[in-house]
Amino acid sequence: MGDTRSISNAVMINLLGEKGHDGLAKYDGLENIMAIDGVYVHLYGKKYTKPFRKMGHVTIVDHNRDHAIEKARYVQQTLKVIS
């Protein structure tokens, strides 16, 4: 099976359409979070958003668990899918 030790910490955030937004998807705050080291955005290519529709996810990787969690919370507050 191989070595199962952890080599890094990772946190995943689902990217959902915002409540009250329905139409062509716009990603508010995307440039801000892409500038952060260890933050990887995965968009699913869906053209239209609606409330709570899963539009992608963001993976945050950091050797320090607390830093990974801090970055994830920032992503949750900053990146929004709107129309």
Foldseek 3Di string as FASTA:
>chain_A
DDDPDDPWDKDKFFAAAAAPAWFFKDKFQPVVLVPDPQKDWAAPPDGIHYGGHGGTMIMGIDRDHVVSVVSVVVCVVTIHIHD
